[in-house]
Protein backbone atom coordinates (compact mmCIF):
# COMPACT_ATOMS: atom_id res chain seq x y z
CA MET A 1 0.42 9.55 3.34
CA TYR A 2 0.69 13.34 3.40
CA LEU A 3 -0.91 15.17 0.46
CA ASP A 4 2.35 16.56 -0.89
CA GLU A 5 3.73 13.01 -1.06
CA TYR A 6 1.15 12.10 -3.74
CA LYS A 7 2.39 14.93 -5.91
CA ARG A 8 5.98 13.80 -5.39
CA ASN A 9 5.11 10.20 -6.23
CA PHE A 10 3.23 11.30 -9.35
CA GLU A 11 6.32 13.17 -10.54
CA LEU A 12 8.81 10.40 -9.68
CA GLU A 13 6.99 7.11 -10.35
CA LYS A 14 7.87 6.77 -14.02
CA THR A 15 11.63 7.13 -13.50
CA TYR A 16 12.56 6.57 -9.84
CA TRP A 17 14.44 3.28 -9.47
CA TRP A 18 12.30 1.88 -6.66
CA PHE A 19 8.96 2.46 -8.36
CA VAL A 20 10.22 1.20 -11.73
CA GLY A 21 11.72 -1.96 -10.24
CA VAL A 22 8.67 -2.81 -8.14
CA ARG A 23 6.33 -2.45 -11.12
CA LEU A 24 8.55 -4.79 -13.13
CA MET A 25 8.45 -7.36 -10.34
CA ALA A 26 4.68 -7.06 -10.01
CA THR A 27 4.04 -7.50 -13.73
CA ASN A 28 6.45 -10.45 -13.84
CA LEU A 29 4.56 -12.15 -11.00
CA ILE A 30 1.21 -11.57 -12.70
CA ALA A 31 2.58 -13.17 -15.88
CA LEU A 32 3.98 -16.08 -13.84
CA CYS A 33 0.55 -16.75 -12.33
CA ASN A 34 -1.33 -16.32 -15.60
CA PRO A 35 0.87 -17.55 -18.48
CA GLY A 36 -0.62 -16.59 -21.82
CA ARG A 37 -3.83 -15.20 -20.32
CA SER A 38 -4.91 -11.76 -21.45
CA PRO A 39 -6.84 -9.68 -20.87
CA LEU A 40 -7.26 -10.07 -17.13
CA ARG A 41 -9.57 -8.13 -14.86
CA ILE A 42 -7.24 -6.64 -12.25
CA LEU A 43 -7.92 -4.61 -9.12
CA ASP A 44 -5.02 -2.49 -7.85
CA ILE A 45 -5.70 -1.92 -4.14
CA GLY A 46 -3.82 1.08 -2.81
CA CYS A 47 -3.36 2.28 -6.37
CA GLY A 48 -1.79 5.58 -5.30
CA THR A 49 -1.23 7.88 -8.25
CA GLY A 50 -1.76 5.15 -10.85
CA ALA A 51 1.62 4.25 -12.36
CA LEU A 52 1.08 0.49 -11.93
CA MET A 53 -2.36 0.86 -13.47
CA ASP A 54 -0.66 2.47 -16.49
CA ASP A 55 1.65 -0.53 -16.90
CA LEU A 56 -1.14 -3.08 -16.55
CA ALA A 57 -3.54 -1.27 -18.86
CA GLY A 58 -0.72 -0.99 -21.39
CA ARG A 59 -0.59 -4.80 -21.45
CA GLY A 60 -4.25 -4.97 -22.45
CA HIS A 61 -5.77 -5.75 -19.06
CA GLU A 62 -8.99 -4.31 -17.64
CA VAL A 63 -7.70 -2.39 -14.63
CA TRP A 64 -9.55 -1.01 -11.65
CA GLY A 65 -8.02 1.14 -8.93
CA LEU A 66 -8.97 1.53 -5.28
CA ASP A 67 -7.52 3.86 -2.67
CA ILE A 68 -8.55 5.50 0.60
CA SER A 69 -7.32 8.89 -0.63
CA GLU A 70 -9.35 11.04 -2.99
CA GLU A 71 -6.16 12.99 -3.65
CA ALA A 72 -4.49 9.83 -5.00
CA LEU A 73 -7.47 9.09 -7.23
CA LYS A 74 -7.28 12.61 -8.69
CA PHE A 75 -3.82 11.75 -9.99
CA CYS A 76 -5.11 8.43 -11.38
CA ARG A 77 -7.74 10.35 -13.33
CA MET A 78 -5.04 12.70 -14.60
CA ARG A 79 -3.40 9.58 -16.09
CA GLY A 80 -6.70 8.77 -17.81
CA HIS A 81 -8.02 6.09 -15.43
CA GLU A 82 -11.74 6.32 -14.75
CA LYS A 83 -12.35 2.90 -13.15
CA VAL A 84 -11.29 4.06 -9.71
CA CYS A 85 -13.13 4.07 -6.40
CA LEU A 86 -12.65 5.53 -2.94
CA ALA A 87 -12.88 2.73 -0.37
CA ASP A 88 -11.25 0.94 2.55
CA GLY A 89 -9.34 -2.27 1.78
CA ALA A 90 -11.12 -3.98 4.67
CA ARG A 91 -14.53 -3.37 2.99
CA LEU A 92 -14.10 -3.87 -0.72
CA PRO A 93 -17.13 -2.65 -2.70
CA PHE A 94 -17.11 -5.47 -5.25
CA ALA A 95 -19.08 -8.67 -5.79
CA ASP A 96 -17.71 -12.10 -4.93
CA GLN A 97 -15.28 -13.65 -7.45
CA ARG A 98 -15.13 -10.47 -9.49
CA PHE A 99 -11.39 -10.32 -10.33
CA ASP A 100 -8.67 -12.45 -11.91
CA VAL A 101 -5.83 -10.66 -10.10
CA VAL A 102 -5.51 -8.31 -7.15
CA THR A 103 -2.39 -6.23 -6.59
CA ALA A 104 -1.65 -4.75 -3.17
CA ILE A 105 1.67 -2.93 -3.31
CA GLY A 106 2.58 -1.44 0.06
CA VAL A 107 -0.87 -1.91 1.57
CA ILE A 108 -1.02 -4.65 4.17
CA GLU A 109 1.48 -3.02 6.55
CA HIS A 110 -0.86 0.00 6.88
CA LEU A 111 -3.88 -1.95 8.09
CA ASP A 112 -5.06 -2.42 11.66
CA ASP A 113 -6.37 -5.91 10.82
CA ASP A 114 -4.49 -7.61 7.99
CA GLU A 115 -6.50 -10.83 8.34
CA ILE A 116 -9.80 -9.10 7.52
CA PHE A 117 -8.12 -7.59 4.47
CA LEU A 118 -6.92 -10.98 3.22
CA ARG A 119 -10.38 -12.49 3.65
CA GLU A 120 -11.84 -9.64 1.61
CA VAL A 121 -9.24 -10.17 -1.12
CA ALA A 122 -10.06 -13.89 -1.20
CA ARG A 123 -13.75 -13.07 -1.48
CA ILE A 124 -13.45 -10.93 -4.61
CA LEU A 125 -11.02 -13.27 -6.41
CA ARG A 126 -12.25 -16.12 -8.57
CA PRO A 127 -10.98 -19.63 -7.65
CA GLN A 128 -7.32 -20.15 -8.63
CA ALA A 129 -6.86 -16.39 -9.13
CA CYS A 130 -3.83 -14.63 -7.63
CA VAL A 131 -2.93 -11.70 -5.44
CA VAL A 132 0.42 -9.96 -5.84
CA MET A 133 1.55 -8.28 -2.63
CA LEU A 134 4.50 -6.15 -1.54
CA THR A 135 5.27 -5.19 2.04
CA SER A 136 8.10 -4.21 4.38
CA SER A 137 10.37 -6.85 5.89
CA PHE A 138 12.29 -7.34 9.15
CA PRO A 139 10.75 -5.59 12.19
CA TRP A 140 14.23 -4.65 13.40
CA LEU A 141 14.48 -2.24 10.44
CA TRP A 142 11.66 -0.07 11.84
CA SER A 143 12.54 3.56 11.09
CA MET A 144 11.25 7.09 10.59
CA HIS A 145 10.24 5.96 7.09
CA ASP A 146 7.72 3.55 8.65
CA VAL A 147 6.43 6.22 11.02
CA ALA A 148 6.03 8.75 8.21
CA ASN A 149 4.18 6.19 6.08
CA GLU A 150 1.89 5.31 8.99
CA HIS A 151 2.90 1.65 8.93
CA ARG A 152 1.51 -0.64 11.60
CA ARG A 153 4.18 -3.34 11.31
CA ARG A 154 6.95 -4.95 9.30
CA TYR A 155 6.92 -8.69 8.57
CA TYR A 156 9.10 -11.77 8.35
CA LEU A 157 8.55 -14.06 5.35
CA LYS A 158 7.19 -16.82 7.57
CA ASP A 159 4.58 -14.43 9.03
CA ILE A 160 3.29 -13.49 5.59
CA GLU A 161 3.15 -17.11 4.38
CA ARG A 162 1.24 -18.13 7.51
CA LYS A 163 -1.29 -15.31 7.15
CA PHE A 164 -1.94 -16.05 3.48
CA ALA A 165 -2.25 -19.78 4.18
CA ALA A 166 -4.82 -19.06 6.90
CA SER A 167 -6.88 -17.17 4.30
CA HIS A 168 -6.72 -20.13 1.87
CA PHE A 169 -3.92 -18.92 -0.39
CA GLN A 170 -1.06 -21.04 -1.68
CA THR A 171 2.33 -19.39 -2.19
CA VAL A 172 3.35 -19.23 -5.85
CA ARG A 173 6.45 -17.13 -5.27
CA LEU A 174 7.69 -15.11 -2.30
CA SER A 175 11.02 -13.35 -2.05
CA HIS A 176 12.81 -10.45 -0.46
CA LEU A 177 13.81 -7.58 -2.71
CA ASN A 178 16.54 -4.98 -2.52
CA CYS A 179 18.70 -7.93 -1.55
CA PHE A 180 21.96 -6.55 -2.96
CA ALA A 181 21.47 -3.14 -1.39
CA LEU A 182 20.46 -4.43 2.06
CA PRO A 183 23.77 -3.64 3.85
CA LEU A 184 23.68 -0.01 2.71
CA LEU A 185 19.94 0.47 3.19
CA ALA A 186 19.81 -1.27 6.57
CA SER A 187 22.72 0.72 7.95
CA THR A 188 21.13 3.94 6.67
CA LEU A 189 17.78 3.18 8.33
CA ILE A 190 19.37 2.17 11.63
CA LEU A 191 21.70 5.19 11.69
CA HIS A 192 18.82 7.51 10.85
CA ARG A 193 16.78 6.03 13.71
CA PHE A 194 19.73 6.45 16.11
CA ILE A 195 20.27 10.10 15.17
CA TYR A 196 16.70 11.35 14.69
CA GLY A 197 14.63 8.94 16.74
CA LEU A 198 11.03 8.05 15.86
CA ASN A 199 9.15 11.22 16.78
CA PRO A 200 5.92 11.23 14.70
CA GLU A 201 5.83 15.04 14.74
CA ARG A 202 9.08 15.14 12.75
CA ALA A 203 8.44 12.06 10.64
CA HIS A 204 9.36 12.18 6.98
CA ARG A 205 9.90 9.59 4.27
CA ILE A 206 13.48 8.56 3.57
CA LEU A 207 13.33 8.79 -0.21
CA PRO A 208 16.47 10.50 -1.56
CA VAL A 209 16.58 11.16 -5.29
CA PRO A 210 19.96 9.95 -6.61
CA PRO A 211 21.83 11.34 -9.63
CA LYS A 212 20.62 9.91 -12.94
CA PRO A 213 23.56 7.46 -13.41
CA VAL A 214 23.04 6.07 -9.89
CA ASN A 215 19.29 5.87 -10.46
CA LEU A 216 19.94 3.86 -13.64
CA VAL A 217 22.27 1.44 -11.84
CA LEU A 218 19.77 0.91 -9.01
CA THR A 219 17.00 0.33 -11.56
CA GLN A 220 19.09 -2.33 -13.29
CA VAL A 221 19.86 -4.01 -9.96
CA LEU A 222 16.15 -4.37 -9.24
CA ALA A 223 15.61 -5.62 -12.80
CA LEU A 224 18.21 -8.32 -12.09
CA GLU A 225 16.43 -9.24 -8.86
CA ALA A 226 13.12 -9.40 -10.75
CA MET A 227 14.69 -11.92 -13.15
CA LEU A 228 16.24 -13.99 -10.33
CA MET A 229 12.92 -14.15 -8.51
CA LYS A 230 11.50 -16.27 -11.33
CA TRP A 231 13.65 -19.16 -10.03
CA ILE A 232 14.92 -18.46 -6.52
CA ARG A 233 13.94 -16.79 -3.25
CA LEU A 234 16.28 -13.94 -2.38
CA PRO A 235 17.33 -14.52 1.24
CA TRP A 236 17.15 -10.96 2.58
CA GLY A 237 16.07 -7.43 1.71
CA VAL A 238 14.29 -4.40 3.15
CA SER A 239 11.01 -5.45 1.50
CA MET A 240 9.32 -8.59 0.24
CA ILE A 241 7.08 -9.30 -2.72
CA GLY A 242 5.06 -12.37 -3.56
CA ALA A 243 2.26 -13.96 -5.54
CA PHE A 244 -0.35 -16.16 -3.86
CA ARG A 245 -3.03 -18.29 -5.50
CA LYS A 246 -6.53 -18.62 -4.07
CA GLN A 247 -7.29 -22.27 -3.41
CA SER A 248 -10.41 -23.70 -4.97
CA SER A 249 -11.70 -24.78 -1.56
CA ALA A 250 -11.79 -21.18 -0.32
CA THR A 251 -15.28 -19.80 0.15
CA PRO A 252 -16.29 -16.13 -0.13
């Protein structure tokens, strides 16, 4: 991510509909995996500027943050988070079975080797602990947004389930998100790709800031999806989010 994007995220994360909705989904999935358990020791991999860490710490959890960008960690410290470290997700600097929960929001699609990453996550989680993951869905939606974010791939649900199963995780819940907005978002991404192409030299994130009333409506739509995900799998969407439990037979 470009340095100016961290500043933009820091300014938008508390109110922008996408960030607000995703944090609600992530915290709901953590609660689903750990009913009544608090505090939890949580590692937020790819913590960015720390808004999810704020939400989790506010619920009484012990929260650690990890990112490959020192610039991102500076913003985390500005939010008051000191348990942060600069590291690569493929080489996590933590002991085996150290954490109760790992969150990886928008991480796995950036990695050259996602299987190594999942093995590392399994290593640092205690048995029966969970990882909450968000990533991009449907390879045919590849756009300038992916190029600008330095994504390596987009996934289908079946691909993600297979990869987690191979690393000894059982699916607790996995669903698409932005289901209701898919027709508009998909057409926007495809049209943008048709008009502007995928030239990395001109790549920029497609992250328009809507008027406040529209932002509120979009936030409520994601809140509705977060509630529906407790019971059903949404059949389509530009992204996917899920919770996966480490099986007791998994070895570090």
